[in-house]
């Protein structure tokens, strides 16, 4: 019970993070483009208990798109440095 155990570090998971970031970024951008013409309507007709501020869905899509671009750039940087696929 009191013996010291060595921790074994598993090998890193190899995945294409650029594809994951690009897919999420594209999904948020498509949602942003779809909601852009509905900007005024969302502010007047879409008030529910967990989204009390106007246009919350529109700004969420915009934030997801911008953060996705940052994630895609970071994964591109990691790929060029040889730290990922």
C-alpha atoms as a PDB file:
ATOM      1  CA  UNK A   1       0.000   0.000   0.000  1.00  0.00           C
ATOM      2  CA  UNK A   2       2.831   2.392   0.685  1.00  0.00           C
ATOM      3  CA  UNK A   3       4.870   1.483  -2.392  1.00  0.00           C
ATOM      4  CA  UNK A   4       5.811   4.136  -4.918  1.00  0.00           C
ATOM      5  CA  UNK A   5       4.349   3.630  -8.356  1.00  0.00           C
ATOM      6  CA  UNK A   6       5.641   5.018 -11.592  1.00  0.00           C
ATOM      7  CA  UNK A   7       3.102   6.871 -13.669  1.00  0.00           C
ATOM      8  CA  UNK A   8       2.981   5.723 -17.246  1.00  0.00           C
ATOM      9  CA  UNK A   9       2.395   8.463 -19.778  1.00  0.00           C
ATOM     10  CA  UNK A  10       0.216   7.275 -22.659  1.00  0.00           C
ATOM     11  CA  UNK A  11       1.152   8.286 -26.199  1.00  0.00           C
ATOM     12  CA  UNK A  12      -0.386  11.481 -27.536  1.00  0.00           C
ATOM     13  CA  UNK A  13      -3.575  11.160 -29.560  1.00  0.00           C
ATOM     14  CA  UNK A  14      -2.994  11.872 -33.236  1.00  0.00           C
ATOM     15  CA  UNK A  15      -5.864  13.822 -34.753  1.00  0.00           C
ATOM     16  CA  UNK A  16      -6.412  16.460 -37.387  1.00  0.00           C
ATOM     17  CA  UNK A  17      -7.237  19.491 -35.262  1.00  0.00           C
ATOM     18  CA  UNK A  18      -7.417  21.771 -38.289  1.00  0.00           C
ATOM     19  CA  UNK A  19     -10.361  19.822 -39.664  1.00  0.00           C
ATOM     20  CA  UNK A  20     -12.161  19.994 -36.324  1.00  0.00           C
ATOM     21  CA  UNK A  21     -11.584  23.751 -35.996  1.00  0.00           C
ATOM     22  CA  UNK A  22     -12.596  24.377 -39.613  1.00  0.00           C
ATOM     23  CA  UNK A  23     -15.827  22.382 -39.249  1.00  0.00           C
ATOM     24  CA  UNK A  24     -16.897  24.244 -36.100  1.00  0.00           C
ATOM     25  CA  UNK A  25     -15.934  27.603 -37.588  1.00  0.00           C
ATOM     26  CA  UNK A  26     -17.911  26.886 -40.746  1.00  0.00           C
ATOM     27  CA  UNK A  27     -20.968  25.834 -38.734  1.00  0.00           C
ATOM     28  CA  UNK A  28     -20.927  29.047 -36.706  1.00  0.00           C
ATOM     29  CA  UNK A  29     -20.389  31.134 -39.848  1.00  0.00           C
ATOM     30  CA  UNK A  30     -23.324  29.488 -41.624  1.00  0.00           C
ATOM     31  CA  UNK A  31     -25.546  30.099 -38.583  1.00  0.00           C
ATOM     32  CA  UNK A  32     -24.338  33.724 -38.465  1.00  0.00           C
ATOM     33  CA  UNK A  33     -25.180  34.255 -42.148  1.00  0.00           C
ATOM     34  CA  UNK A  34     -28.620  32.688 -41.682  1.00  0.00           C
ATOM     35  CA  UNK A  35     -29.377  34.877 -38.656  1.00  0.00           C
ATOM     36  CA  UNK A  36     -28.080  38.137 -40.156  1.00  0.00           C
ATOM     37  CA  UNK A  37     -31.304  38.910 -42.085  1.00  0.00           C
ATOM     38  CA  UNK A  38     -33.331  37.968 -38.987  1.00  0.00           C
ATOM     39  CA  UNK A  39     -31.493  40.415 -36.688  1.00  0.00           C
ATOM     40  CA  UNK A  40     -34.460  42.727 -36.114  1.00  0.00           C
ATOM     41  CA  UNK A  41     -36.995  39.911 -35.804  1.00  0.00           C
ATOM     42  CA  UNK A  42     -34.912  38.074 -33.197  1.00  0.00           C
ATOM     43  CA  UNK A  43     -34.801  41.164 -30.998  1.00  0.00           C
ATOM     44  CA  UNK A  44     -38.592  41.491 -30.892  1.00  0.00           C
ATOM     45  CA  UNK A  45     -39.870  37.908 -30.996  1.00  0.00           C
ATOM     46  CA  UNK A  46     -37.332  35.659 -29.338  1.00  0.00           C
ATOM     47  CA  UNK A  47     -37.383  36.252 -25.593  1.00  0.00           C
ATOM     48  CA  UNK A  48     -37.115  33.101 -23.531  1.00  0.00           C
ATOM     49  CA  UNK A  49     -36.071  32.531 -19.943  1.00  0.00           C
ATOM     50  CA  UNK A  50     -32.417  31.662 -20.609  1.00  0.00           C
ATOM     51  CA  UNK A  51     -31.837  34.290 -23.310  1.00  0.00           C
ATOM     52  CA  UNK A  52     -33.277  37.484 -21.903  1.00  0.00           C
ATOM     53  CA  UNK A  53     -30.976  39.811 -23.813  1.00  0.00           C
ATOM     54  CA  UNK A  54     -31.855  40.818 -27.354  1.00  0.00           C
ATOM     55  CA  UNK A  55     -30.038  39.130 -30.224  1.00  0.00           C
ATOM     56  CA  UNK A  56     -28.168  36.623 -28.030  1.00  0.00           C
ATOM     57  CA  UNK A  57     -28.163  33.944 -30.740  1.00  0.00           C
ATOM     58  CA  UNK A  58     -26.768  36.343 -33.335  1.00  0.00           C
ATOM     59  CA  UNK A  59     -23.876  37.408 -31.092  1.00  0.00           C
ATOM     60  CA  UNK A  60     -23.205  33.814 -30.034  1.00  0.00           C
ATOM     61  CA  UNK A  61     -22.752  32.822 -33.678  1.00  0.00           C
ATOM     62  CA  UNK A  62     -20.459  35.787 -34.275  1.00  0.00           C
ATOM     63  CA  UNK A  63     -18.344  34.941 -31.204  1.00  0.00           C
ATOM     64  CA  UNK A  64     -18.177  31.260 -32.228  1.00  0.00           C
ATOM     65  CA  UNK A  65     -17.021  32.235 -35.692  1.00  0.00           C
ATOM     66  CA  UNK A  66     -14.308  34.612 -34.429  1.00  0.00           C
ATOM     67  CA  UNK A  67     -13.068  32.153 -31.795  1.00  0.00           C
ATOM     68  CA  UNK A  68     -13.122  29.391 -34.399  1.00  0.00           C
ATOM     69  CA  UNK A  69     -10.892  31.459 -36.667  1.00  0.00           C
ATOM     70  CA  UNK A  70      -8.468  31.889 -33.764  1.00  0.00           C
ATOM     71  CA  UNK A  71      -8.555  28.139 -33.083  1.00  0.00           C
ATOM     72  CA  UNK A  72      -7.980  27.345 -36.727  1.00  0.00           C
ATOM     73  CA  UNK A  73      -4.987  29.719 -36.844  1.00  0.00           C
ATOM     74  CA  UNK A  74      -3.566  28.151 -33.688  1.00  0.00           C
ATOM     75  CA  UNK A  75      -3.960  24.622 -35.048  1.00  0.00           C
ATOM     76  CA  UNK A  76      -2.280  25.764 -38.277  1.00  0.00           C
ATOM     77  CA  UNK A  77       0.611  27.136 -36.236  1.00  0.00           C
ATOM     78  CA  UNK A  78       0.917  23.863 -34.316  1.00  0.00           C
ATOM     79  CA  UNK A  79       0.882  21.883 -37.555  1.00  0.00           C
ATOM     80  CA  UNK A  80       3.700  23.980 -39.041  1.00  0.00           C
ATOM     81  CA  UNK A  81       5.744  23.486 -35.855  1.00  0.00           C
ATOM     82  CA  UNK A  82       5.284  19.698 -36.153  1.00  0.00           C
ATOM     83  CA  UNK A  83       3.297  19.305 -32.933  1.00  0.00           C
ATOM     84  CA  UNK A  84       0.236  17.770 -34.585  1.00  0.00           C
ATOM     85  CA  UNK A  85      -0.861  16.086 -37.815  1.00  0.00           C
END
